[in-house]
Amino acid sequence: MNAKQFALPFRAKRMEPEHDRNADLIGRSYEDGLAIITVIETCFNDQSRVMVERDLDGHVWSMPAWLMRLIFMEVNRKRAA
């Protein structure tokens, strides 16, 4: 029996790193009463959400990035007025 090498029709595609649309939010923060809420990273499973951390107790949770953008727009308007 002759051994032959054969190639399957599919090849491993190289994964190009995706451009993170929410990278500009990382490191931004706002005050909520006594607490300071800081965006620390984007979510691994869902790129449309960001992880935020409260400085008082270190609690971390995720929230939609569009909501964080809305919060930062309101904060900027309040300071300008």
N, C-alpha and C. Protein backbone atom coordinates (compact mmCIF):
# COMPACT_ATOMS: atom_id res chain seq x y z
N MET A 1 0.83 -1.16 0.00
CA MET A 1 0.00 0.00 0.00
C MET A 1 0.89 1.24 0.00
N ASN A 2 0.66 2.14 -0.91
CA ASN A 2 1.43 3.38 -1.03
C ASN A 2 0.84 4.45 -0.11
N ALA A 3 1.73 5.10 0.63
CA ALA A 3 1.29 6.20 1.50
C ALA A 3 1.36 7.49 0.72
N LYS A 4 0.26 8.22 0.67
CA LYS A 4 0.21 9.51 -0.02
C LYS A 4 -0.26 10.58 0.96
N GLN A 5 0.31 11.75 0.78
CA GLN A 5 -0.12 12.87 1.60
C GLN A 5 -1.15 13.66 0.83
N PHE A 6 -2.20 14.01 1.49
CA PHE A 6 -3.23 14.80 0.82
C PHE A 6 -3.55 16.02 1.68
N ALA A 7 -4.05 17.06 1.04
CA ALA A 7 -4.37 18.30 1.74
C ALA A 7 -5.88 18.47 1.78
N LEU A 8 -6.36 18.84 2.92
CA LEU A 8 -7.78 19.11 3.05
C LEU A 8 -8.08 20.47 2.42
N PRO A 9 -9.30 20.68 1.97
CA PRO A 9 -9.62 21.91 1.23
C PRO A 9 -9.67 23.18 2.08
N PHE A 10 -9.65 23.07 3.38
CA PHE A 10 -9.70 24.29 4.19
C PHE A 10 -8.36 24.51 4.88
N ARG A 11 -8.03 25.76 5.00
CA ARG A 11 -6.77 26.14 5.64
C ARG A 11 -7.09 26.96 6.88
N ALA A 12 -6.18 26.93 7.78
CA ALA A 12 -6.34 27.74 8.98
C ALA A 12 -6.16 29.21 8.62
N LYS A 13 -7.18 29.98 8.86
CA LYS A 13 -7.09 31.41 8.57
C LYS A 13 -6.40 32.11 9.72
N ARG A 14 -5.58 33.03 9.39
CA ARG A 14 -4.90 33.81 10.43
C ARG A 14 -5.88 34.83 10.96
N MET A 15 -5.97 34.89 12.25
CA MET A 15 -6.88 35.84 12.87
C MET A 15 -6.20 37.20 12.96
N GLU A 16 -6.77 38.15 12.30
CA GLU A 16 -6.27 39.51 12.37
C GLU A 16 -6.85 40.15 13.63
N PRO A 17 -6.03 40.82 14.40
CA PRO A 17 -6.59 41.47 15.59
C PRO A 17 -7.59 42.55 15.18
N GLU A 18 -8.78 42.49 15.77
CA GLU A 18 -9.80 43.46 15.44
C GLU A 18 -9.49 44.80 16.10
N HIS A 19 -9.85 45.84 15.40
CA HIS A 19 -9.68 47.17 15.97
C HIS A 19 -10.75 47.36 17.04
N ASP A 20 -10.34 47.68 18.23
CA ASP A 20 -11.26 47.84 19.34
C ASP A 20 -11.90 49.22 19.26
N ARG A 21 -13.21 49.23 18.99
CA ARG A 21 -13.92 50.50 18.83
C ARG A 21 -14.04 51.26 20.13
N ASN A 22 -13.93 50.56 21.24
CA ASN A 22 -14.13 51.20 22.54
C ASN A 22 -12.84 51.41 23.31
N ALA A 23 -11.73 51.35 22.63
CA ALA A 23 -10.44 51.53 23.29
C ALA A 23 -10.29 52.94 23.85
N ASP A 24 -10.97 53.92 23.26
CA ASP A 24 -10.85 55.29 23.75
C ASP A 24 -11.54 55.50 25.10
N LEU A 25 -12.43 54.57 25.49
CA LEU A 25 -13.11 54.69 26.78
C LEU A 25 -12.25 54.20 27.95
N ILE A 26 -11.28 53.35 27.65
CA ILE A 26 -10.47 52.75 28.72
C ILE A 26 -9.69 53.84 29.44
N GLY A 27 -9.80 53.83 30.76
CA GLY A 27 -9.11 54.82 31.58
C GLY A 27 -9.93 56.04 31.91
N ARG A 28 -11.06 56.25 31.24
CA ARG A 28 -11.90 57.40 31.54
C ARG A 28 -12.71 57.12 32.79
N SER A 29 -13.03 58.15 33.53
CA SER A 29 -13.78 57.97 34.78
C SER A 29 -14.72 59.14 34.99
N TYR A 30 -15.68 58.92 35.89
CA TYR A 30 -16.59 59.98 36.30
C TYR A 30 -16.95 59.77 37.77
N GLU A 31 -17.42 60.84 38.40
CA GLU A 31 -17.80 60.78 39.81
C GLU A 31 -19.28 60.52 39.93
N ASP A 32 -19.63 59.63 40.85
CA ASP A 32 -21.01 59.33 41.16
C ASP A 32 -21.16 59.40 42.67
N GLY A 33 -21.48 60.57 43.16
CA GLY A 33 -21.52 60.77 44.61
C GLY A 33 -20.10 60.77 45.16
N LEU A 34 -19.83 59.86 46.09
CA LEU A 34 -18.48 59.74 46.65
C LEU A 34 -17.58 58.81 45.84
N ALA A 35 -18.18 58.00 44.99
CA ALA A 35 -17.43 56.99 44.24
C ALA A 35 -16.93 57.55 42.92
N ILE A 36 -15.82 56.99 42.47
CA ILE A 36 -15.30 57.28 41.13
C ILE A 36 -15.41 55.99 40.33
N ILE A 37 -16.11 56.06 39.21
CA ILE A 37 -16.32 54.90 38.34
C ILE A 37 -15.34 55.01 37.18
N THR A 38 -14.55 53.96 36.96
CA THR A 38 -13.50 53.98 35.93
C THR A 38 -13.70 52.82 34.97
N VAL A 39 -13.55 53.10 33.68
CA VAL A 39 -13.59 52.04 32.66
C VAL A 39 -12.22 51.37 32.66
N ILE A 40 -12.19 50.05 32.87
CA ILE A 40 -10.90 49.37 32.99
C ILE A 40 -10.55 48.53 31.76
N GLU A 41 -11.56 48.01 31.03
CA GLU A 41 -11.28 47.22 29.83
C GLU A 41 -12.55 46.94 29.07
N THR A 42 -12.41 46.38 27.87
CA THR A 42 -13.58 45.93 27.13
C THR A 42 -13.84 44.47 27.49
N CYS A 43 -15.08 44.05 27.34
CA CYS A 43 -15.45 42.67 27.67
C CYS A 43 -14.83 41.71 26.65
N PHE A 44 -14.43 40.55 27.13
CA PHE A 44 -13.83 39.56 26.25
C PHE A 44 -14.88 38.93 25.33
N ASN A 45 -16.06 38.65 25.84
CA ASN A 45 -17.09 37.96 25.07
C ASN A 45 -17.87 38.89 24.16
N ASP A 46 -18.04 40.12 24.55
CA ASP A 46 -18.87 41.06 23.79
C ASP A 46 -18.13 42.38 23.68
N GLN A 47 -17.67 42.70 22.49
CA GLN A 47 -16.88 43.91 22.28
C GLN A 47 -17.70 45.19 22.38
N SER A 48 -19.03 45.06 22.46
CA SER A 48 -19.86 46.25 22.58
C SER A 48 -20.09 46.64 24.04
N ARG A 49 -19.48 45.93 24.98
CA ARG A 49 -19.62 46.22 26.40
C ARG A 49 -18.25 46.51 27.00
N VAL A 50 -18.23 47.29 28.07
CA VAL A 50 -16.99 47.61 28.76
C VAL A 50 -17.11 47.21 30.23
N MET A 51 -15.97 46.94 30.85
CA MET A 51 -15.91 46.61 32.26
C MET A 51 -15.57 47.89 33.03
N VAL A 52 -16.36 48.16 34.09
CA VAL A 52 -16.13 49.34 34.91
C VAL A 52 -15.88 48.92 36.35
N GLU A 53 -15.16 49.76 37.07
CA GLU A 53 -14.81 49.47 38.46
C GLU A 53 -15.12 50.67 39.34
N ARG A 54 -15.72 50.41 40.50
CA ARG A 54 -16.00 51.44 41.48
C ARG A 54 -14.86 51.46 42.49
N ASP A 55 -14.29 52.65 42.74
CA ASP A 55 -13.09 52.72 43.58
C ASP A 55 -13.38 52.51 45.07
N LEU A 56 -14.58 52.75 45.53
CA LEU A 56 -14.88 52.61 46.96
C LEU A 56 -14.69 51.18 47.46
N ASP A 57 -15.26 50.22 46.72
CA ASP A 57 -15.21 48.83 47.16
C ASP A 57 -14.58 47.89 46.16
N GLY A 58 -14.16 48.38 45.01
CA GLY A 58 -13.52 47.53 44.02
C GLY A 58 -14.48 46.68 43.23
N HIS A 59 -15.77 46.96 43.31
CA HIS A 59 -16.78 46.18 42.58
C HIS A 59 -16.62 46.41 41.08
N VAL A 60 -16.63 45.32 40.30
CA VAL A 60 -16.45 45.38 38.85
C VAL A 60 -17.69 44.81 38.19
N TRP A 61 -18.18 45.48 37.16
CA TRP A 61 -19.31 44.98 36.38
C TRP A 61 -19.18 45.47 34.95
N SER A 62 -20.03 44.92 34.07
CA SER A 62 -19.99 45.34 32.67
C SER A 62 -21.24 46.15 32.35
N MET A 63 -21.09 47.02 31.39
CA MET A 63 -22.22 47.82 30.93
C MET A 63 -22.00 48.17 29.47
N PRO A 64 -23.06 48.50 28.73
CA PRO A 64 -22.91 48.82 27.31
C PRO A 64 -22.02 50.04 27.09
N ALA A 65 -21.21 49.96 26.07
CA ALA A 65 -20.29 51.06 25.78
C ALA A 65 -21.05 52.32 25.37
N TRP A 66 -22.17 52.16 24.68
CA TRP A 66 -22.93 53.34 24.26
C TRP A 66 -23.44 54.11 25.48
N LEU A 67 -23.77 53.38 26.56
CA LEU A 67 -24.23 54.04 27.76
C LEU A 67 -23.10 54.83 28.43
N MET A 68 -21.91 54.28 28.42
CA MET A 68 -20.76 55.01 28.97
C MET A 68 -20.48 56.26 28.15
N ARG A 69 -20.59 56.17 26.84
CA ARG A 69 -20.38 57.36 26.00
C ARG A 69 -21.42 58.43 26.33
N LEU A 70 -22.66 58.00 26.56
CA LEU A 70 -23.72 58.94 26.91
C LEU A 70 -23.41 59.61 28.25
N ILE A 71 -22.94 58.86 29.21
CA ILE A 71 -22.58 59.42 30.52
C ILE A 71 -21.47 60.44 30.38
N PHE A 72 -20.45 60.12 29.59
CA PHE A 72 -19.33 61.05 29.42
C PHE A 72 -19.76 62.32 28.67
N MET A 73 -20.71 62.19 27.73
CA MET A 73 -21.22 63.38 27.05
C MET A 73 -21.94 64.29 28.04
N GLU A 74 -22.76 63.71 28.93
CA GLU A 74 -23.48 64.51 29.92
C GLU A 74 -22.52 65.17 30.89
N VAL A 75 -21.48 64.47 31.31
CA VAL A 75 -20.50 65.03 32.23
C VAL A 75 -19.80 66.22 31.57
N ASN A 76 -19.43 66.08 30.29
CA ASN A 76 -18.75 67.16 29.59
C ASN A 76 -19.66 68.36 29.45
N ARG A 77 -20.94 68.16 29.18
CA ARG A 77 -21.87 69.28 29.03
C ARG A 77 -22.05 70.01 30.34
N LYS A 78 -22.11 69.28 31.46
CA LYS A 78 -22.29 69.93 32.75
C LYS A 78 -21.10 70.81 33.09
N ARG A 79 -19.91 70.38 32.76
CA ARG A 79 -18.72 71.17 33.07
C ARG A 79 -18.64 72.42 32.21
N ALA A 80 -19.10 72.33 30.97
CA ALA A 80 -18.99 73.45 30.05
C ALA A 80 -20.00 74.54 30.37
N ALA A 81 -21.11 74.19 30.98
CA ALA A 81 -22.18 75.18 31.21
C ALA A 81 -21.93 76.06 32.38
